[in-house]
Amino acid sequence: MTTTRRTGLVIGPDFDFMGLAVTTPFVVANRYAGAALYDVHLLSERGGPIRSGLGPDLATEPLGDPAAFDTLLVAAGISIPQTSPVLADHLRAAARSTRRVAGLCLGAFMLGDAGLLDGRRATTHWHFAPQFRARYPACRLDIDKIYVVDDTIWTSAGMSAVIDLAVGMIEHDHGRDLAVSVARGLVMERRRAGGQAQHSAFLDLDARTDRIQAVLAYARRNLHLPLTTEALAAVACLSPRQFTRLFRAETGTSPSKAVERIRLEAAKLMLEQSRLPIEEIARETGFANRERMRRAFLRAYGAGPRNVRVGAGPVAAL
C-alpha cells in the first residue's frame, strides 16, 4: 500500500511565486509513480487569501496541527522575513512532530528565528550571508551549498534551489530512479546534489557579446587543452592584445584567471559527484597534474581537492 506523505508549504504576505516551484517535483513524482505519493497543502498563519509580492492573492489553509504533516516547507519573499511568535511556536512544534522541516531560500531565517538552526548546518541565499551569520551565530552557515540537510532540518539556497531540494527529498523517500525521472521530466539540465556550489563561473563571467560568449563556451568544452590567451584570441578572431582588452572589459578579469575559475568549477563538481582519481580529474580539467590542481584549490577554496571531496560527503549518484 502506498504511503501518502502530507506536505505543507507555509507562505506569508509578499511571498515570491518562485517559492511555489518546490511543489512541482512532488506533483511530477505522483504522476510518474502512478500514485499519490505526496499530498501538498498551501498554508498560512490564519488561512484565507495571501497577497504575493507580485500582487495576486492565493488561497491558503490555516496552519492547523503540525503533527498532521509529514513535511513542512517554509517559503519567504525576496527580503528577510519577519517571523511572528505564532509562526515561530508552530515551527518549533513541527520540528518535534513532523518528519522534516525545510526553510526555502530566505525561509531559513524563519527557522533561525524559531531556534531550529542552533548547533546545525544550514544554507540560505548567498547575498544575505552576513545578516544570517550575525543573527544566528550558533548556526554553521554553509553558504557554498545548493541545499543542506542536517538530520530533520533542510535548508536551500536561492529560489531555484528549492527544486533541487524537492528532488533530493524525493530521492530520500523513494530512491534514485524516481528522482532522476522527475529531474528529466522537469527538463533540469542536471540533477544537482546538495553539496554543490551556489555560484557558477559562467554566471559570474557573463559576457555581453557573442564573440566572448563563444570563447567561454569553447573553453568549457575543451578544458583538457592548454587554452592559452593566444588560442582563445584565435577563437575570437582577434589579436591577443585586442582579445585581452575586450575580454577584461566584458568579464572584469583576465582570460587566464577566467580559465582557471572554469577549470576549478569543473574539477570541484567532478570531485563531488564522481569517484574518479584526483590525478585523472586534474588531467580532464586541464591542470596537467594533481599538484597544480592542489595549489589552485588552496588559492580558491582554502582546502585541497582531497579535503573538498571529503567535505562533500557521499558521492551523489546521477
C-alpha atoms as a PDB file:
ATOM      1  CA  MET A   1       0.000   0.000   0.000  1.00  0.00           C
ATOM      2  CA  THR A   2       1.350   3.441  -0.993  1.00  0.00           C
ATOM      3  CA  THR A   3       2.021   5.880   1.837  1.00  0.00           C
ATOM      4  CA  THR A   4       0.891   9.395   1.044  1.00  0.00           C
ATOM      5  CA  ARG A   5       3.164  11.989   2.591  1.00  0.00           C
ATOM      6  CA  ARG A   6       1.151  15.058   3.609  1.00  0.00           C
ATOM      7  CA  THR A   7       3.299  18.082   2.814  1.00  0.00           C
ATOM      8  CA  GLY A   8       2.599  21.672   3.870  1.00  0.00           C
ATOM      9  CA  LEU A   9       4.050  24.787   2.245  1.00  0.00           C
ATOM     10  CA  VAL A  10       3.799  27.818   4.530  1.00  0.00           C
ATOM     11  CA  ILE A  11       3.700  31.241   2.865  1.00  0.00           C
ATOM     12  CA  GLY A  12       3.201  34.745   4.200  1.00  0.00           C
ATOM     13  CA  PRO A  13       2.407  38.219   2.829  1.00  0.00           C
ATOM     14  CA  ASP A  14       4.628  39.298  -0.088  1.00  0.00           C
ATOM     15  CA  PHE A  15       5.760  35.739  -0.753  1.00  0.00           C
ATOM     16  CA  ASP A  16       7.571  35.118  -4.032  1.00  0.00           C
ATOM     17  CA  PHE A  17       5.885  32.897  -6.614  1.00  0.00           C
ATOM     18  CA  MET A  18       9.184  31.140  -7.284  1.00  0.00           C
ATOM     19  CA  GLY A  19       8.846  29.534  -3.865  1.00  0.00           C
ATOM     20  CA  LEU A  20       5.806  27.648  -5.155  1.00  0.00           C
ATOM     21  CA  ALA A  21       8.105  25.825  -7.590  1.00  0.00           C
ATOM     22  CA  VAL A  22       9.028  23.488  -4.741  1.00  0.00           C
ATOM     23  CA  THR A  23       5.631  21.789  -5.161  1.00  0.00           C
ATOM     24  CA  THR A  24       6.157  20.853  -8.824  1.00  0.00           C
ATOM     25  CA  PRO A  25       8.599  17.964  -8.307  1.00  0.00           C
ATOM     26  CA  PHE A  26       6.123  16.366  -5.889  1.00  0.00           C
ATOM     27  CA  VAL A  27       3.321  16.649  -8.459  1.00  0.00           C
ATOM     28  CA  VAL A  28       5.567  15.145 -11.143  1.00  0.00           C
ATOM     29  CA  ALA A  29       6.586  12.330  -8.772  1.00  0.00           C
ATOM     30  CA  ASN A  30       2.915  11.476  -8.219  1.00  0.00           C
ATOM     31  CA  ARG A  31       2.341  11.276 -11.950  1.00  0.00           C
ATOM     32  CA  TYR A  32       5.382   9.137 -12.714  1.00  0.00           C
ATOM     33  CA  ALA A  33       4.694   6.806  -9.796  1.00  0.00           C
ATOM     34  CA  GLY A  34       1.035   6.491 -10.730  1.00  0.00           C
ATOM     35  CA  ALA A  35       0.163   7.017  -7.081  1.00  0.00           C
ATOM     36  CA  ALA A  36      -0.457   9.815  -4.586  1.00  0.00           C
ATOM     37  CA  LEU A  37       2.999   9.833  -3.004  1.00  0.00           C
ATOM     38  CA  TYR A  38       2.612  13.452  -1.881  1.00  0.00           C
ATOM     39  CA  ASP A  39      -0.439  15.464  -0.823  1.00  0.00           C
ATOM     40  CA  VAL A  40       0.601  19.129  -0.917  1.00  0.00           C
ATOM     41  CA  HIS A  41      -1.252  21.867   1.014  1.00  0.00           C
ATOM     42  CA  LEU A  42      -0.703  25.623   0.830  1.00  0.00           C
ATOM     43  CA  LEU A  43      -0.730  27.088   4.343  1.00  0.00           C
ATOM     44  CA  SER A  44      -0.556  30.448   6.062  1.00  0.00           C
ATOM     45  CA  GLU A  45      -0.753  31.625   9.661  1.00  0.00           C
ATOM     46  CA  ARG A  46      -4.507  32.323   9.621  1.00  0.00           C
ATOM     47  CA  GLY A  47      -5.560  30.829   6.310  1.00  0.00           C
ATOM     48  CA  GLY A  48      -7.516  32.646   3.623  1.00  0.00           C
ATOM     49  CA  PRO A  49      -6.139  34.761   0.761  1.00  0.00           C
ATOM     50  CA  ILE A  50      -2.468  35.777   0.992  1.00  0.00           C
ATOM     51  CA  ARG A  51      -1.165  38.578  -1.193  1.00  0.00           C
ATOM     52  CA  SER A  52       2.007  37.843  -3.150  1.00  0.00           C
ATOM     53  CA  GLY A  53       4.879  40.222  -3.754  1.00  0.00           C
ATOM     54  CA  LEU A  54       3.711  40.417  -7.366  1.00  0.00           C
ATOM     55  CA  GLY A  55       0.154  41.330  -6.418  1.00  0.00           C
ATOM     56  CA  PRO A  56      -2.249  38.380  -6.937  1.00  0.00           C
ATOM     57  CA  ASP A  57      -3.680  36.569  -3.908  1.00  0.00           C
ATOM     58  CA  LEU A  58      -3.511  32.837  -3.258  1.00  0.00           C
ATOM     59  CA  ALA A  59      -5.991  30.861  -1.177  1.00  0.00           C
ATOM     60  CA  THR A  60      -4.433  29.109   1.814  1.00  0.00           C
ATOM     61  CA  GLU A  61      -5.438  26.854   4.684  1.00  0.00           C
ATOM     62  CA  PRO A  62      -4.658  27.779   8.317  1.00  0.00           C
ATOM     63  CA  LEU A  63      -1.584  26.196   9.871  1.00  0.00           C
ATOM     64  CA  GLY A  64      -3.539  23.695  11.950  1.00  0.00           C
ATOM     65  CA  ASP A  65      -1.889  20.802  13.755  1.00  0.00           C
ATOM     66  CA  PRO A  66       1.749  20.345  12.657  1.00  0.00           C
ATOM     67  CA  ALA A  67       1.551  16.674  13.598  1.00  0.00           C
ATOM     68  CA  ALA A  68      -0.845  16.193  10.683  1.00  0.00           C
ATOM     69  CA  PHE A  69       2.032  16.717   8.250  1.00  0.00           C
ATOM     70  CA  ASP A  70       4.952  14.558   7.221  1.00  0.00           C
ATOM     71  CA  THR A  71       6.924  17.529   5.867  1.00  0.00           C
ATOM     72  CA  LEU A  72       6.633  21.266   6.474  1.00  0.00           C
ATOM     73  CA  LEU A  73       8.209  23.710   3.992  1.00  0.00           C
ATOM     74  CA  VAL A  74       8.557  27.416   4.758  1.00  0.00           C
ATOM     75  CA  ALA A  75       8.867  29.965   1.943  1.00  0.00           C
ATOM     76  CA  ALA A  76       9.503  33.717   2.017  1.00  0.00           C
ATOM     77  CA  GLY A  77       9.716  36.685  -0.317  1.00  0.00           C
ATOM     78  CA  ILE A  78      12.783  38.451  -1.674  1.00  0.00           C
ATOM     79  CA  SER A  79      13.700  40.194   1.571  1.00  0.00           C
ATOM     80  CA  ILE A  80      14.434  38.931   5.078  1.00  0.00           C
ATOM     81  CA  PRO A  81      11.070  37.842   6.552  1.00  0.00           C
ATOM     82  CA  GLN A  82       9.545  38.842   9.845  1.00  0.00           C
ATOM     83  CA  THR A  83       8.686  35.755  11.893  1.00  0.00           C
ATOM     84  CA  SER A  84       5.688  36.155  14.162  1.00  0.00           C
ATOM     85  CA  PRO A  85       5.671  34.482  17.599  1.00  0.00           C
ATOM     86  CA  VAL A  86       2.773  32.306  16.410  1.00  0.00           C
ATOM     87  CA  LEU A  87       4.721  31.008  13.432  1.00  0.00           C
ATOM     88  CA  ALA A  88       7.883  30.510  15.491  1.00  0.00           C
ATOM     89  CA  ASP A  89       5.923  28.411  18.004  1.00  0.00           C
ATOM     90  CA  HIS A  90       4.380  26.426  15.153  1.00  0.00           C
ATOM     91  CA  LEU A  91       7.785  25.711  13.616  1.00  0.00           C
ATOM     92  CA  ARG A  92       9.164  24.521  16.938  1.00  0.00           C
ATOM     93  CA  ALA A  93       6.177  22.212  17.341  1.00  0.00           C
ATOM     94  CA  ALA A  94       6.609  20.983  13.765  1.00  0.00           C
ATOM     95  CA  ALA A  95      10.252  20.176  14.419  1.00  0.00           C
ATOM     96  CA  ARG A  96       9.127  17.864  17.217  1.00  0.00           C
ATOM     97  CA  SER A  97       6.206  16.213  15.437  1.00  0.00           C
ATOM     98  CA  THR A  98       6.893  16.137  11.680  1.00  0.00           C
ATOM     99  CA  ARG A  99       9.482  14.026   9.894  1.00  0.00           C
ATOM    100  CA  ARG A 100      11.283  17.067   8.490  1.00  0.00           C
ATOM    101  CA  VAL A 101      11.089  20.859   8.262  1.00  0.00           C
ATOM    102  CA  ALA A 102      12.619  22.901   5.442  1.00  0.00           C
ATOM    103  CA  GLY A 103      13.450  26.592   5.087  1.00  0.00           C
ATOM    104  CA  LEU A 104      13.368  27.587   1.420  1.00  0.00           C
ATOM    105  CA  CYS A 105      15.859  30.310   0.495  1.00  0.00           C
ATOM    106  CA  LEU A 106      15.155  33.165   2.955  1.00  0.00           C
ATOM    107  CA  GLY A 107      12.732  30.858   4.733  1.00  0.00           C
ATOM    108  CA  ALA A 108      15.858  29.685   6.563  1.00  0.00           C
ATOM    109  CA  PHE A 109      15.681  32.938   8.536  1.00  0.00           C
ATOM    110  CA  MET A 110      12.311  31.827   9.939  1.00  0.00           C
ATOM    111  CA  LEU A 111      13.816  28.528  11.072  1.00  0.00           C
ATOM    112  CA  GLY A 112      16.624  30.517  12.670  1.00  0.00           C
ATOM    113  CA  ASP A 113      14.150  32.805  14.440  1.00  0.00           C
ATOM    114  CA  ALA A 114      12.455  29.703  15.854  1.00  0.00           C
ATOM    115  CA  GLY A 115      15.801  28.467  17.202  1.00  0.00           C
ATOM    116  CA  LEU A 116      15.811  25.400  14.969  1.00  0.00           C
ATOM    117  CA  LEU A 117      19.236  26.076  13.478  1.00  0.00           C
ATOM    118  CA  ASP A 118      21.261  26.357  16.695  1.00  0.00           C
ATOM    119  CA  GLY A 119      24.121  23.878  16.534  1.00  0.00           C
ATOM    120  CA  ARG A 120      23.169  22.838  12.989  1.00  0.00           C
ATOM    121  CA  ARG A 121      24.470  23.349   9.472  1.00  0.00           C
ATOM    122  CA  ALA A 122      22.307  25.391   7.115  1.00  0.00           C
ATOM    123  CA  THR A 123      22.385  27.487   3.976  1.00  0.00           C
ATOM    124  CA  THR A 124      20.445  30.403   2.508  1.00  0.00           C
ATOM    125  CA  HIS A 125      20.803  32.877  -0.336  1.00  0.00           C
ATOM    126  CA  TRP A 126      24.455  33.940  -0.590  1.00  0.00           C
ATOM    127  CA  HIS A 127      23.557  37.650  -0.732  1.00  0.00           C
ATOM    128  CA  PHE A 128      22.163  37.538   2.817  1.00  0.00           C
ATOM    129  CA  ALA A 129      25.016  35.560   4.385  1.00  0.00           C
ATOM    130  CA  PRO A 130      26.336  38.459   6.549  1.00  0.00           C
ATOM    131  CA  GLN A 131      22.927  39.137   8.087  1.00  0.00           C
ATOM    132  CA  PHE A 132      22.346  35.417   8.615  1.00  0.00           C
ATOM    133  CA  ARG A 133      25.654  34.924  10.420  1.00  0.00           C
ATOM    134  CA  ALA A 134      25.032  37.951  12.623  1.00  0.00           C
ATOM    135  CA  ARG A 135      21.535  36.824  13.626  1.00  0.00           C
ATOM    136  CA  TYR A 136      22.286  33.125  14.172  1.00  0.00           C
ATOM    137  CA  PRO A 137      25.866  32.768  15.431  1.00  0.00           C
ATOM    138  CA  ALA A 138      25.126  29.282  16.789  1.00  0.00           C
ATOM    139  CA  CYS A 139      24.348  28.021  13.258  1.00  0.00           C
ATOM    140  CA  ARG A 140      27.148  26.767  10.989  1.00  0.00           C
ATOM    141  CA  LEU A 141      26.295  28.551   7.744  1.00  0.00           C
ATOM    142  CA  ASP A 142      27.468  26.651   4.668  1.00  0.00           C
ATOM    143  CA  ILE A 143      26.866  29.330   2.054  1.00  0.00           C
ATOM    144  CA  ASP A 144      28.562  27.391  -0.759  1.00  0.00           C
ATOM    145  CA  LYS A 145      25.823  24.757  -0.961  1.00  0.00           C
ATOM    146  CA  ILE A 146      22.672  24.365  -3.069  1.00  0.00           C
ATOM    147  CA  TYR A 147      20.893  22.831  -0.097  1.00  0.00           C
ATOM    148  CA  VAL A 148      21.898  21.406   3.274  1.00  0.00           C
ATOM    149  CA  VAL A 149      20.388  18.518   5.222  1.00  0.00           C
ATOM    150  CA  ASP A 150      21.122  18.348   8.939  1.00  0.00           C
ATOM    151  CA  ASP A 151      19.129  15.488  10.425  1.00  0.00           C
ATOM    152  CA  THR A 152      15.455  16.537  10.079  1.00  0.00           C
ATOM    153  CA  ILE A 153      16.172  20.157   9.101  1.00  0.00           C
ATOM    154  CA  TRP A 154      16.585  21.046   5.415  1.00  0.00           C
ATOM    155  CA  THR A 155      17.533  24.468   4.037  1.00  0.00           C
ATOM    156  CA  SER A 156      18.039  25.665   0.468  1.00  0.00           C
ATOM    157  CA  ALA A 157      19.956  28.461  -1.199  1.00  0.00           C
ATOM    158  CA  GLY A 158      18.490  30.745  -3.896  1.00  0.00           C
ATOM    159  CA  MET A 159      14.927  30.330  -5.131  1.00  0.00           C
ATOM    160  CA  SER A 160      15.792  27.953  -7.984  1.00  0.00           C
ATOM    161  CA  ALA A 161      17.462  25.658  -5.452  1.00  0.00           C
ATOM    162  CA  VAL A 162      14.057  24.777  -3.966  1.00  0.00           C
ATOM    163  CA  ILE A 163      13.547  22.454  -6.945  1.00  0.00           C
ATOM    164  CA  ASP A 164      16.832  20.689  -6.201  1.00  0.00           C
ATOM    165  CA  LEU A 165      15.823  20.359  -2.560  1.00  0.00           C
ATOM    166  CA  ALA A 166      12.457  18.825  -3.503  1.00  0.00           C
ATOM    167  CA  VAL A 167      14.099  16.348  -5.885  1.00  0.00           C
ATOM    168  CA  GLY A 168      16.522  15.489  -3.062  1.00  0.00           C
ATOM    169  CA  MET A 169      13.568  14.757  -0.777  1.00  0.00           C
ATOM    170  CA  ILE A 170      12.022  12.522  -3.435  1.00  0.00           C
ATOM    171  CA  GLU A 171      15.276  10.605  -3.738  1.00  0.00           C
ATOM    172  CA  HIS A 172      15.452  10.255   0.043  1.00  0.00           C
ATOM    173  CA  ASP A 173      11.857   8.979   0.169  1.00  0.00           C
ATOM    174  CA  HIS A 174      11.608   6.845  -2.972  1.00  0.00           C
ATOM    175  CA  GLY A 175      15.068   6.266  -4.389  1.00  0.00           C
ATOM    176  CA  ARG A 176      17.308   7.453  -7.174  1.00  0.00           C
ATOM    177  CA  ASP A 177      15.309   6.134 -10.141  1.00  0.00           C
ATOM    178  CA  LEU A 178      12.211   8.183  -9.406  1.00  0.00           C
ATOM    179  CA  ALA A 179      14.304  11.267  -8.589  1.00  0.00           C
ATOM    180  CA  VAL A 180      16.131  11.008 -11.930  1.00  0.00           C
ATOM    181  CA  SER A 181      12.822  10.583 -13.764  1.00  0.00           C
ATOM    182  CA  VAL A 182      11.422  13.672 -12.054  1.00  0.00           C
ATOM    183  CA  ALA A 183      14.530  15.696 -12.910  1.00  0.00           C
ATOM    184  CA  ARG A 184      14.243  14.635 -16.547  1.00  0.00           C
ATOM    185  CA  GLY A 185      10.550  15.431 -16.586  1.00  0.00           C
ATOM    186  CA  LEU A 186      11.306  18.929 -15.321  1.00  0.00           C
ATOM    187  CA  VAL A 187      13.947  19.292 -18.055  1.00  0.00           C
ATOM    188  CA  MET A 188      16.603  20.042 -15.468  1.00  0.00           C
ATOM    189  CA  GLU A 189      19.996  20.332 -17.159  1.00  0.00           C
ATOM    190  CA  ARG A 190      21.337  18.071 -14.451  1.00  0.00           C
ATOM    191  CA  ARG A 191      20.184  16.972 -11.034  1.00  0.00           C
ATOM    192  CA  ARG A 192      22.266  18.955  -8.597  1.00  0.00           C
ATOM    193  CA  ALA A 193      23.212  17.363  -5.309  1.00  0.00           C
ATOM    194  CA  GLY A 194      23.059  19.371  -2.113  1.00  0.00           C
ATOM    195  CA  GLY A 195      26.841  19.657  -1.862  1.00  0.00           C
ATOM    196  CA  GLN A 196      27.229  21.769  -4.971  1.00  0.00           C
ATOM    197  CA  ALA A 197      28.157  25.415  -5.050  1.00  0.00           C
ATOM    198  CA  GLN A 198      25.572  28.189  -5.350  1.00  0.00           C
ATOM    199  CA  HIS A 199      27.776  30.187  -7.677  1.00  0.00           C
ATOM    200  CA  SER A 200      28.526  29.411 -11.303  1.00  0.00           C
ATOM    201  CA  ALA A 201      31.642  30.716 -13.017  1.00  0.00           C
ATOM    202  CA  PHE A 202      29.584  31.165 -16.167  1.00  0.00           C
ATOM    203  CA  LEU A 203      27.086  33.420 -14.433  1.00  0.00           C
ATOM    204  CA  ASP A 204      29.864  35.449 -12.823  1.00  0.00           C
ATOM    205  CA  LEU A 205      31.740  35.664 -16.154  1.00  0.00           C
ATOM    206  CA  ASP A 206      28.710  36.893 -18.055  1.00  0.00           C
ATOM    207  CA  ALA A 207      29.709  38.451 -21.372  1.00  0.00           C
ATOM    208  CA  ARG A 208      27.717  40.895 -23.492  1.00  0.00           C
ATOM    209  CA  THR A 209      28.938  39.967 -26.968  1.00  0.00           C
ATOM    210  CA  ASP A 210      28.558  36.705 -28.840  1.00  0.00           C
ATOM    211  CA  ARG A 211      32.296  36.748 -29.508  1.00  0.00           C
ATOM    212  CA  ILE A 212      33.316  36.469 -25.845  1.00  0.00           C
ATOM    213  CA  GLN A 213      30.407  34.141 -25.053  1.00  0.00           C
ATOM    214  CA  ALA A 214      31.667  31.821 -27.789  1.00  0.00           C
ATOM    215  CA  VAL A 215      35.157  31.889 -26.267  1.00  0.00           C
ATOM    216  CA  LEU A 216      33.796  30.952 -22.830  1.00  0.00           C
ATOM    217  CA  ALA A 217      31.749  28.117 -24.333  1.00  0.00           C
ATOM    218  CA  TYR A 218      34.821  26.893 -26.238  1.00  0.00           C
ATOM    219  CA  ALA A 219      36.868  26.920 -23.025  1.00  0.00           C
ATOM    220  CA  ARG A 220      34.230  24.914 -21.193  1.00  0.00           C
ATOM    221  CA  ARG A 221      34.135  22.268 -23.942  1.00  0.00           C
ATOM    222  CA  ASN A 222      37.924  21.997 -24.180  1.00  0.00           C
ATOM    223  CA  LEU A 223      39.247  22.127 -20.634  1.00  0.00           C
ATOM    224  CA  HIS A 224      41.762  19.384 -21.476  1.00  0.00           C
ATOM    225  CA  LEU A 225      43.569  21.778 -23.867  1.00  0.00           C
ATOM    226  CA  PRO A 226      46.134  24.414 -22.762  1.00  0.00           C
ATOM    227  CA  LEU A 227      43.662  27.281 -23.508  1.00  0.00           C
ATOM    228  CA  THR A 228      46.345  29.937 -23.795  1.00  0.00           C
ATOM    229  CA  THR A 229      45.418  33.555 -24.411  1.00  0.00           C
ATOM    230  CA  GLU A 230      46.697  33.168 -27.966  1.00  0.00           C
ATOM    231  CA  ALA A 231      44.477  30.132 -28.590  1.00  0.00           C
ATOM    232  CA  LEU A 232      41.398  31.872 -27.185  1.00  0.00           C
ATOM    233  CA  ALA A 233      42.160  35.014 -29.187  1.00  0.00           C
ATOM    234  CA  ALA A 234      42.172  32.879 -32.325  1.00  0.00           C
ATOM    235  CA  VAL A 235      38.696  31.587 -31.451  1.00  0.00           C
ATOM    236  CA  ALA A 236      37.545  35.206 -31.131  1.00  0.00           C
ATOM    237  CA  CYS A 237      39.308  36.127 -34.412  1.00  0.00           C
ATOM    238  CA  LEU A 238      41.237  38.888 -32.629  1.00  0.00           C
ATOM    239  CA  SER A 239      44.847  39.596 -31.869  1.00  0.00           C
ATOM    240  CA  PRO A 240      45.919  38.546 -28.341  1.00  0.00           C
ATOM    241  CA  ARG A 241      46.140  42.200 -27.283  1.00  0.00           C
ATOM    242  CA  GLN A 242      42.704  43.118 -28.665  1.00  0.00           C
ATOM    243  CA  PHE A 243      41.195  39.961 -27.208  1.00  0.00           C
ATOM    244  CA  THR A 244      42.631  40.515 -23.725  1.00  0.00           C
ATOM    245  CA  ARG A 245      41.360  44.100 -23.648  1.00  0.00           C
ATOM    246  CA  LEU A 246      37.851  43.116 -24.810  1.00  0.00           C
ATOM    247  CA  PHE A 247      37.691  40.095 -22.510  1.00  0.00           C
ATOM    248  CA  ARG A 248      38.624  42.126 -19.446  1.00  0.00           C
ATOM    249  CA  ALA A 249      36.145  44.880 -20.361  1.00  0.00           C
ATOM    250  CA  GLU A 250      33.284  42.353 -20.552  1.00  0.00           C
ATOM    251  CA  THR A 251      34.117  39.978 -17.702  1.00  0.00           C
ATOM    252  CA  GLY A 252      36.193  42.092 -15.334  1.00  0.00           C
ATOM    253  CA  THR A 253      39.046  39.588 -15.298  1.00  0.00           C
ATOM    254  CA  SER A 254      41.850  38.291 -17.486  1.00  0.00           C
ATOM    255  CA  PRO A 255      41.471  35.280 -19.818  1.00  0.00           C
ATOM    256  CA  SER A 256      43.930  33.205 -17.783  1.00  0.00           C
ATOM    257  CA  LYS A 257      42.128  33.851 -14.494  1.00  0.00           C
ATOM    258  CA  ALA A 258      38.766  33.113 -16.100  1.00  0.00           C
ATOM    259  CA  VAL A 259      40.035  29.813 -17.476  1.00  0.00           C
ATOM    260  CA  GLU A 260      41.328  28.829 -14.040  1.00  0.00           C
ATOM    261  CA  ARG A 261      37.931  29.591 -12.492  1.00  0.00           C
ATOM    262  CA  ILE A 262      36.186  27.430 -15.084  1.00  0.00           C
ATOM    263  CA  ARG A 263      38.696  24.622 -14.526  1.00  0.00           C
ATOM    264  CA  LEU A 264      38.218  24.871 -10.766  1.00  0.00           C
ATOM    265  CA  GLU A 265      34.432  24.709 -11.002  1.00  0.00           C
ATOM    266  CA  ALA A 266      34.571  21.677 -13.285  1.00  0.00           C
ATOM    267  CA  ALA A 267      37.127  19.902 -11.088  1.00  0.00           C
ATOM    268  CA  LYS A 268      35.153  20.618  -7.901  1.00  0.00           C
ATOM    269  CA  LEU A 269      31.996  19.206  -9.469  1.00  0.00           C
ATOM    270  CA  MET A 270      33.838  16.039 -10.553  1.00  0.00           C
ATOM    271  CA  LEU A 271      35.264  15.629  -7.055  1.00  0.00           C
ATOM    272  CA  GLU A 272      31.803  15.951  -5.508  1.00  0.00           C
ATOM    273  CA  GLN A 273      29.948  13.736  -7.947  1.00  0.00           C
ATOM    274  CA  SER A 274      32.367  11.062  -9.121  1.00  0.00           C
ATOM    275  CA  ARG A 275      34.871   8.572  -7.796  1.00  0.00           C
ATOM    276  CA  LEU A 276      37.473   9.363 -10.435  1.00  0.00           C
ATOM    277  CA  PRO A 277      41.053   9.527  -9.124  1.00  0.00           C
ATOM    278  CA  ILE A 278      42.264  13.057  -8.384  1.00  0.00           C
ATOM    279  CA  GLU A 279      45.084  12.682 -10.920  1.00  0.00           C
ATOM    280  CA  GLU A 280      42.579  11.865 -13.673  1.00  0.00           C
ATOM    281  CA  ILE A 281      40.348  14.807 -12.721  1.00  0.00           C
ATOM    282  CA  ALA A 282      43.395  17.080 -12.890  1.00  0.00           C
ATOM    283  CA  ARG A 283      44.124  15.889 -16.441  1.00  0.00           C
ATOM    284  CA  GLU A 284      40.483  16.090 -17.588  1.00  0.00           C
ATOM    285  CA  THR A 285      40.130  19.669 -16.386  1.00  0.00           C
ATOM    286  CA  GLY A 286      43.444  20.860 -17.778  1.00  0.00           C
ATOM    287  CA  PHE A 287      45.505  21.203 -14.618  1.00  0.00           C
ATOM    288  CA  ALA A 288      48.024  18.698 -16.069  1.00  0.00           C
ATOM    289  CA  ASN A 289      48.807  17.157 -12.668  1.00  0.00           C
ATOM    290  CA  ARG A 290      47.374  16.937  -9.175  1.00  0.00           C
ATOM    291  CA  GLU A 291      49.951  19.292  -7.654  1.00  0.00           C
ATOM    292  CA  ARG A 292      48.960  22.176  -9.941  1.00  0.00           C
ATOM    293  CA  MET A 293      45.323  21.484  -9.155  1.00  0.00           C
ATOM    294  CA  ARG A 294      46.050  21.307  -5.430  1.00  0.00           C
ATOM    295  CA  ARG A 295      47.697  24.743  -5.471  1.00  0.00           C
ATOM    296  CA  ALA A 296      44.774  26.223  -7.433  1.00  0.00           C
ATOM    297  CA  PHE A 297      42.270  24.737  -4.948  1.00  0.00           C
ATOM    298  CA  LEU A 298      44.180  26.148  -1.988  1.00  0.00           C
ATOM    299  CA  ARG A 299      44.113  29.614  -3.556  1.00  0.00           C
ATOM    300  CA  ALA A 300      40.414  29.442  -4.379  1.00  0.00           C
ATOM    301  CA  TYR A 301      38.880  27.382  -1.573  1.00  0.00           C
ATOM    302  CA  GLY A 302      41.495  27.295   1.181  1.00  0.00           C
ATOM    303  CA  ALA A 303      41.484  23.483   1.014  1.00  0.00           C
ATOM    304  CA  GLY A 304      42.976  20.852  -1.249  1.00  0.00           C
ATOM    305  CA  PRO A 305      40.998  18.577  -3.591  1.00  0.00           C
ATOM    306  CA  ARG A 306      41.019  15.676  -1.155  1.00  0.00           C
ATOM    307  CA  ASN A 307      39.503  17.794   1.614  1.00  0.00           C
ATOM    308  CA  VAL A 308      36.883  19.184  -0.787  1.00  0.00           C
ATOM    309  CA  ARG A 309      35.888  15.644  -1.751  1.00  0.00           C
ATOM    310  CA  VAL A 310      35.652  14.520   1.866  1.00  0.00           C
ATOM    311  CA  GLY A 311      33.643  17.632   2.791  1.00  0.00           C
ATOM    312  CA  ALA A 312      31.106  16.907   0.046  1.00  0.00           C
ATOM    313  CA  GLY A 313      30.021  13.719   1.855  1.00  0.00           C
ATOM    314  CA  PRO A 314      28.799  10.644  -0.003  1.00  0.00           C
ATOM    315  CA  VAL A 315      29.145  10.918  -3.761  1.00  0.00           C
ATOM    316  CA  ALA A 316      25.841  11.843  -5.352  1.00  0.00           C
ATOM    317  CA  ALA A 317      24.659   9.266  -7.857  1.00  0.00           C
ATOM    318  CA  LEU A 318      23.380  10.880 -11.012  1.00  0.00           C
END
